């Protein structure tokens, strides 16, 4: 994937697997500070989209696993920001 632009680049996330994958790839290539954002300005996305109630209602993912990813990120134990970002845009 090649990204060449003179202006800030954005992505429309429809919620399907293709937009999630493309967004994740673009973010990794461009070195966006997703971890920093999820710990501060975008923290509300974790609370809104990865809440226990929402995850258990969808019955797709195991909340305990997601809870561990969130905890490790917020405690600076490991950088799970890309995993969390992909779950948010999924």
N, C-alpha and C. Protein backbone atom coordinates (compact mmCIF):
# COMPACT_ATOMS: atom_id res chain seq x y z
N UNK A 1 0.85 -1.17 0.00
CA UNK A 1 0.00 0.00 0.00
C UNK A 1 0.90 1.23 0.00
N UNK A 2 0.62 2.19 -0.87
CA UNK A 2 1.36 3.44 -0.93
C UNK A 2 0.43 4.59 -0.59
N UNK A 3 0.89 5.45 0.28
CA UNK A 3 0.12 6.63 0.64
C UNK A 3 0.97 7.86 0.35
N UNK A 4 0.55 8.65 -0.60
CA UNK A 4 1.23 9.89 -0.92
C UNK A 4 0.19 10.99 -0.92
N UNK A 5 0.41 12.00 -0.08
CA UNK A 5 -0.55 13.09 0.01
C UNK A 5 0.13 14.34 0.55
N UNK A 6 -0.36 15.49 0.13
CA UNK A 6 0.14 16.76 0.64
C UNK A 6 -0.77 17.33 1.72
N UNK A 7 -1.87 16.68 1.97
CA UNK A 7 -2.85 17.14 2.96
C UNK A 7 -3.14 15.99 3.92
N UNK A 8 -3.72 16.28 5.08
CA UNK A 8 -4.08 15.20 6.01
C UNK A 8 -4.99 14.17 5.35
N UNK A 9 -4.77 12.93 5.67
CA UNK A 9 -5.51 11.83 5.07
C UNK A 9 -6.53 11.29 6.06
N UNK A 10 -7.72 11.01 5.60
CA UNK A 10 -8.76 10.44 6.45
C UNK A 10 -9.32 9.20 5.80
N UNK A 11 -10.13 8.47 6.54
CA UNK A 11 -10.74 7.26 6.01
C UNK A 11 -12.19 7.20 6.49
N UNK A 12 -13.07 6.81 5.60
CA UNK A 12 -14.47 6.59 5.97
C UNK A 12 -14.60 5.15 6.43
N UNK A 13 -15.07 4.96 7.65
CA UNK A 13 -15.18 3.62 8.21
C UNK A 13 -16.63 3.18 8.20
N UNK A 14 -16.92 2.23 7.33
CA UNK A 14 -18.29 1.75 7.22
C UNK A 14 -18.60 0.69 8.27
N UNK A 15 -17.56 0.15 8.90
CA UNK A 15 -17.77 -0.87 9.92
C UNK A 15 -17.54 -2.28 9.40
N UNK A 16 -17.31 -2.44 8.09
CA UNK A 16 -17.06 -3.78 7.59
C UNK A 16 -15.58 -4.11 7.71
N UNK A 17 -15.23 -5.35 7.44
CA UNK A 17 -13.86 -5.82 7.62
C UNK A 17 -12.88 -5.09 6.70
N UNK A 18 -13.31 -4.73 5.49
CA UNK A 18 -12.39 -4.07 4.55
C UNK A 18 -11.98 -2.69 5.04
N UNK A 19 -12.92 -1.89 5.51
CA UNK A 19 -12.55 -0.55 5.99
C UNK A 19 -11.71 -0.65 7.25
N UNK A 20 -11.99 -1.64 8.09
CA UNK A 20 -11.19 -1.83 9.31
C UNK A 20 -9.75 -2.19 8.97
N UNK A 21 -9.58 -3.12 8.03
CA UNK A 21 -8.24 -3.53 7.63
C UNK A 21 -7.48 -2.39 6.98
N UNK A 22 -8.14 -1.68 6.07
CA UNK A 22 -7.48 -0.56 5.40
C UNK A 22 -7.10 0.53 6.39
N UNK A 23 -7.97 0.82 7.31
CA UNK A 23 -7.68 1.84 8.31
C UNK A 23 -6.50 1.42 9.18
N UNK A 24 -6.49 0.17 9.59
CA UNK A 24 -5.38 -0.33 10.40
C UNK A 24 -4.06 -0.28 9.66
N UNK A 25 -4.08 -0.68 8.39
CA UNK A 25 -2.85 -0.63 7.59
C UNK A 25 -2.37 0.80 7.37
N UNK A 26 -3.29 1.69 7.05
CA UNK A 26 -2.90 3.09 6.84
C UNK A 26 -2.33 3.69 8.12
N UNK A 27 -2.93 3.35 9.25
CA UNK A 27 -2.47 3.91 10.52
C UNK A 27 -1.07 3.41 10.86
N UNK A 28 -0.80 2.15 10.61
CA UNK A 28 0.53 1.61 10.90
C UNK A 28 1.59 2.23 10.00
N UNK A 29 1.25 2.43 8.75
CA UNK A 29 2.20 3.02 7.81
C UNK A 29 2.48 4.46 8.17
N UNK A 30 1.49 5.19 8.59
CA UNK A 30 1.65 6.62 8.83
C UNK A 30 2.12 6.96 10.24
N UNK A 31 2.29 5.94 11.10
CA UNK A 31 2.74 6.17 12.48
C UNK A 31 1.85 7.12 13.27
N UNK A 32 0.56 6.99 13.10
CA UNK A 32 -0.37 7.81 13.88
C UNK A 32 -0.29 7.42 15.35
N UNK A 33 -0.37 8.37 16.25
CA UNK A 33 -0.26 8.08 17.69
C UNK A 33 -1.58 7.56 18.29
N UNK A 34 -2.07 6.46 17.77
CA UNK A 34 -3.35 5.90 18.23
C UNK A 34 -3.31 5.63 19.74
N UNK A 35 -2.22 5.10 20.23
CA UNK A 35 -2.12 4.80 21.66
C UNK A 35 -2.33 6.06 22.49
N UNK A 36 -1.66 7.12 22.12
CA UNK A 36 -1.79 8.40 22.84
C UNK A 36 -3.24 8.89 22.77
N UNK A 37 -3.83 8.82 21.59
CA UNK A 37 -5.21 9.31 21.42
C UNK A 37 -6.20 8.51 22.24
N UNK A 38 -6.04 7.15 22.25
CA UNK A 38 -6.98 6.31 23.00
C UNK A 38 -6.85 6.52 24.51
N UNK A 39 -5.70 6.99 24.95
CA UNK A 39 -5.51 7.26 26.37
C UNK A 39 -6.03 8.64 26.76
N UNK A 40 -6.28 9.49 25.79
CA UNK A 40 -6.70 10.86 26.12
C UNK A 40 -7.94 11.28 25.32
N UNK A 41 -7.73 11.97 24.22
CA UNK A 41 -8.84 12.57 23.47
C UNK A 41 -9.88 11.56 22.97
N UNK A 42 -9.45 10.37 22.62
CA UNK A 42 -10.38 9.37 22.07
C UNK A 42 -10.76 8.29 23.09
N UNK A 43 -10.50 8.53 24.35
CA UNK A 43 -10.82 7.57 25.40
C UNK A 43 -12.32 7.25 25.41
N UNK A 44 -13.13 8.22 25.03
CA UNK A 44 -14.58 8.01 25.01
C UNK A 44 -14.97 6.88 24.04
N UNK A 45 -14.16 6.65 23.01
CA UNK A 45 -14.47 5.57 22.06
C UNK A 45 -14.37 4.20 22.74
N UNK A 46 -13.37 4.05 23.59
CA UNK A 46 -13.24 2.80 24.35
C UNK A 46 -14.46 2.62 25.24
N UNK A 47 -14.82 3.67 25.96
CA UNK A 47 -15.96 3.59 26.88
C UNK A 47 -17.26 3.32 26.14
N UNK A 48 -17.41 3.92 24.96
CA UNK A 48 -18.67 3.79 24.23
C UNK A 48 -18.78 2.49 23.45
N UNK A 49 -17.75 2.15 22.69
CA UNK A 49 -17.84 1.00 21.79
C UNK A 49 -17.35 -0.31 22.38
N UNK A 50 -16.55 -0.25 23.42
CA UNK A 50 -16.01 -1.47 24.02
C UNK A 50 -16.51 -1.67 25.44
N UNK A 51 -17.69 -1.15 25.73
CA UNK A 51 -18.27 -1.34 27.07
C UNK A 51 -18.69 -2.80 27.24
N UNK A 52 -18.72 -3.25 28.48
CA UNK A 52 -19.11 -4.63 28.78
C UNK A 52 -20.50 -4.93 28.23
N UNK A 53 -21.42 -4.01 28.43
CA UNK A 53 -22.80 -4.20 27.97
C UNK A 53 -22.86 -4.39 26.45
N UNK A 54 -22.15 -3.55 25.72
CA UNK A 54 -22.19 -3.61 24.26
C UNK A 54 -21.51 -4.88 23.74
N UNK A 55 -20.35 -5.23 24.31
CA UNK A 55 -19.61 -6.42 23.86
C UNK A 55 -20.41 -7.68 24.15
N UNK A 56 -20.99 -7.77 25.32
CA UNK A 56 -21.77 -8.97 25.66
C UNK A 56 -23.06 -9.05 24.85
N UNK A 57 -23.64 -7.93 24.49
CA UNK A 57 -24.85 -7.92 23.68
C UNK A 57 -24.57 -8.44 22.26
N UNK A 58 -23.41 -8.08 21.72
CA UNK A 58 -23.05 -8.50 20.36
C UNK A 58 -22.72 -9.99 20.29
N UNK A 59 -22.24 -10.56 21.40
CA UNK A 59 -21.90 -11.97 21.49
C UNK A 59 -20.89 -12.41 20.41
N UNK A 60 -19.95 -11.54 20.10
CA UNK A 60 -18.91 -11.87 19.12
C UNK A 60 -17.57 -12.06 19.81
N UNK A 61 -17.23 -11.15 20.71
CA UNK A 61 -15.94 -11.16 21.37
C UNK A 61 -16.08 -11.45 22.86
N UNK A 62 -15.00 -11.90 23.46
CA UNK A 62 -14.95 -12.18 24.88
C UNK A 62 -14.58 -10.89 25.61
N UNK A 63 -15.45 -10.40 26.47
CA UNK A 63 -15.20 -9.13 27.14
C UNK A 63 -13.97 -9.18 28.04
N UNK A 64 -13.72 -10.30 28.70
CA UNK A 64 -12.55 -10.41 29.59
C UNK A 64 -11.26 -10.16 28.81
N UNK A 65 -11.19 -10.66 27.59
CA UNK A 65 -10.01 -10.45 26.76
C UNK A 65 -9.87 -8.97 26.39
N UNK A 66 -10.97 -8.35 26.00
CA UNK A 66 -10.95 -6.93 25.65
C UNK A 66 -10.62 -6.08 26.87
N UNK A 67 -11.18 -6.44 28.01
CA UNK A 67 -10.90 -5.73 29.25
C UNK A 67 -9.40 -5.77 29.57
N UNK A 68 -8.76 -6.91 29.34
CA UNK A 68 -7.32 -7.06 29.57
C UNK A 68 -6.53 -6.17 28.60
N UNK A 69 -6.93 -6.14 27.33
CA UNK A 69 -6.27 -5.27 26.35
C UNK A 69 -6.35 -3.80 26.78
N UNK A 70 -7.53 -3.39 27.22
CA UNK A 70 -7.73 -2.00 27.66
C UNK A 70 -6.88 -1.70 28.89
N UNK A 71 -6.92 -2.59 29.86
CA UNK A 71 -6.17 -2.40 31.10
C UNK A 71 -4.67 -2.30 30.82
N UNK A 72 -4.15 -3.21 30.02
CA UNK A 72 -2.72 -3.19 29.69
C UNK A 72 -2.32 -1.91 28.97
N UNK A 73 -3.18 -1.41 28.10
CA UNK A 73 -2.89 -0.16 27.40
C UNK A 73 -2.86 1.01 28.37
N UNK A 74 -3.87 1.12 29.20
CA UNK A 74 -3.98 2.26 30.11
C UNK A 74 -2.92 2.25 31.21
N UNK A 75 -2.43 1.06 31.56
CA UNK A 75 -1.39 0.94 32.58
C UNK A 75 0.01 0.92 31.95
N UNK A 76 0.07 1.11 30.64
CA UNK A 76 1.34 1.10 29.90
C UNK A 76 2.10 -0.22 30.02
N UNK A 77 1.36 -1.33 30.15
CA UNK A 77 1.99 -2.64 30.21
C UNK A 77 2.29 -3.18 28.82
N UNK A 78 1.44 -2.86 27.87
CA UNK A 78 1.68 -3.22 26.47
C UNK A 78 0.84 -2.30 25.58
N UNK A 79 1.33 -2.11 24.38
CA UNK A 79 0.64 -1.22 23.44
C UNK A 79 -0.32 -2.04 22.59
N UNK A 80 -1.54 -2.15 23.07
CA UNK A 80 -2.59 -2.89 22.36
C UNK A 80 -3.48 -1.94 21.56
N UNK A 81 -3.00 -0.76 21.30
CA UNK A 81 -3.84 0.27 20.68
C UNK A 81 -4.38 -0.15 19.33
N UNK A 82 -3.58 -0.86 18.52
CA UNK A 82 -4.05 -1.26 17.19
C UNK A 82 -5.15 -2.31 17.30
N UNK A 83 -5.00 -3.22 18.25
CA UNK A 83 -6.05 -4.23 18.46
C UNK A 83 -7.35 -3.55 18.89
N UNK A 84 -7.23 -2.62 19.83
CA UNK A 84 -8.41 -1.91 20.31
C UNK A 84 -9.03 -1.04 19.22
N UNK A 85 -8.18 -0.38 18.46
CA UNK A 85 -8.67 0.47 17.37
C UNK A 85 -9.47 -0.36 16.38
N UNK A 86 -8.95 -1.53 16.01
CA UNK A 86 -9.67 -2.40 15.07
C UNK A 86 -10.98 -2.89 15.65
N UNK A 87 -11.04 -3.14 16.94
CA UNK A 87 -12.31 -3.52 17.57
C UNK A 87 -13.29 -2.36 17.55
N UNK A 88 -12.80 -1.16 17.77
CA UNK A 88 -13.68 0.02 17.77
C UNK A 88 -14.27 0.25 16.39
N UNK A 89 -13.46 0.14 15.34
CA UNK A 89 -13.97 0.41 13.99
C UNK A 89 -14.66 -0.80 13.38
N UNK A 90 -14.61 -1.95 14.04
CA UNK A 90 -15.28 -3.17 13.55
C UNK A 90 -16.76 -2.96 13.65
